[in-house]
Amino acid sequence: MRNIVNETGEIIAKATHDGTLVGGQHRIAVAASLGQKLLWQDNGEPVNLDAFFRHPSSQRHIA
C-alpha cells in the first residue's frame, strides 16, 4: 500500500502499488477542487489525478 499526502504531509488516501485507489476518494476530490498538490508519501512525486477520475466509458473509441 502507498499513501497519498497533501502539501502539509497529511494522509489523504491509500492506493495499491499499481495505483488502484483503495480509500479516500472523497478526500482526493475535495483536495483537487481546492487546488491542493497531492504527492506519493514514499517518494514525494506528484500524484496523477487523471488516472483516478477517468471513467472507462468516457474514453472515445476510434473504429
Protein backbone atom coordinates (compact mmCIF):
# COMPACT_ATOMS: atom_id res chain seq x y z
CA MET A 1 0.00 0.00 0.00
CA ARG A 2 1.06 3.55 -0.70
CA ASN A 3 -0.18 6.73 0.95
CA ILE A 4 -1.21 9.88 -0.87
CA VAL A 5 -0.49 13.03 1.12
CA ASN A 6 -1.26 16.71 0.69
CA GLU A 7 1.31 19.52 0.76
CA THR A 8 1.41 19.53 4.56
CA GLY A 9 2.05 15.78 4.78
CA GLU A 10 -1.46 14.79 5.91
CA ILE A 11 -2.51 11.37 4.58
CA ILE A 12 -5.42 11.91 2.18
CA ALA A 13 -5.85 8.45 0.63
CA LYS A 14 -4.39 4.98 0.17
CA ALA A 15 -3.63 3.16 -3.05
CA THR A 16 -2.07 -0.13 -4.08
CA HIS A 17 1.40 -0.15 -5.63
CA ASP A 18 -0.15 -0.39 -9.10
CA GLY A 19 -2.13 2.83 -8.44
CA THR A 20 -5.57 1.41 -7.65
CA LEU A 21 -7.29 3.72 -5.18
CA VAL A 22 -8.36 1.83 -2.04
CA GLY A 23 -9.76 4.61 0.12
CA GLY A 24 -10.03 8.37 0.30
CA GLN A 25 -11.89 9.06 -2.94
CA HIS A 26 -13.90 11.89 -1.40
CA ARG A 27 -10.87 13.46 0.27
CA ILE A 28 -8.96 13.39 -3.04
CA ALA A 29 -11.88 15.05 -4.81
CA VAL A 30 -12.05 17.80 -2.18
CA ALA A 31 -8.29 18.37 -2.22
CA ALA A 32 -8.28 18.54 -6.03
CA SER A 33 -11.17 21.02 -6.07
CA LEU A 34 -9.23 23.21 -3.62
CA GLY A 35 -6.20 23.09 -5.90
CA GLN A 36 -4.01 21.25 -3.41
CA LYS A 37 -0.97 19.42 -4.68
CA LEU A 38 -1.08 15.70 -3.83
CA LEU A 39 2.07 13.61 -3.54
CA TRP A 40 3.07 9.99 -3.06
CA GLN A 41 4.34 9.77 0.52
CA ASP A 42 7.09 7.24 -0.24
CA ASN A 43 8.88 9.20 -2.96
CA GLY A 44 7.41 12.74 -2.95
CA GLU A 45 6.38 12.61 -6.61
CA PRO A 46 3.14 14.30 -7.69
CA VAL A 47 0.04 12.09 -7.99
CA ASN A 48 -1.59 12.00 -11.43
CA LEU A 49 -5.24 12.60 -10.56
CA ASP A 50 -6.45 11.90 -14.12
CA ALA A 51 -5.95 8.18 -13.55
CA PHE A 52 -8.33 8.24 -10.57
CA PHE A 53 -11.11 10.33 -12.10
CA ARG A 54 -11.23 8.99 -15.64
CA HIS A 55 -14.30 6.87 -16.27
CA PRO A 56 -13.76 3.96 -18.71
CA SER A 57 -16.95 4.72 -20.67
CA SER A 58 -15.84 8.32 -21.25
CA GLN A 59 -12.95 7.31 -23.47
CA ARG A 60 -13.52 7.68 -27.18
CA HIS A 61 -13.00 4.61 -29.30
CA ILE A 62 -11.78 5.06 -32.84
CA ALA A 63 -13.01 2.42 -35.21
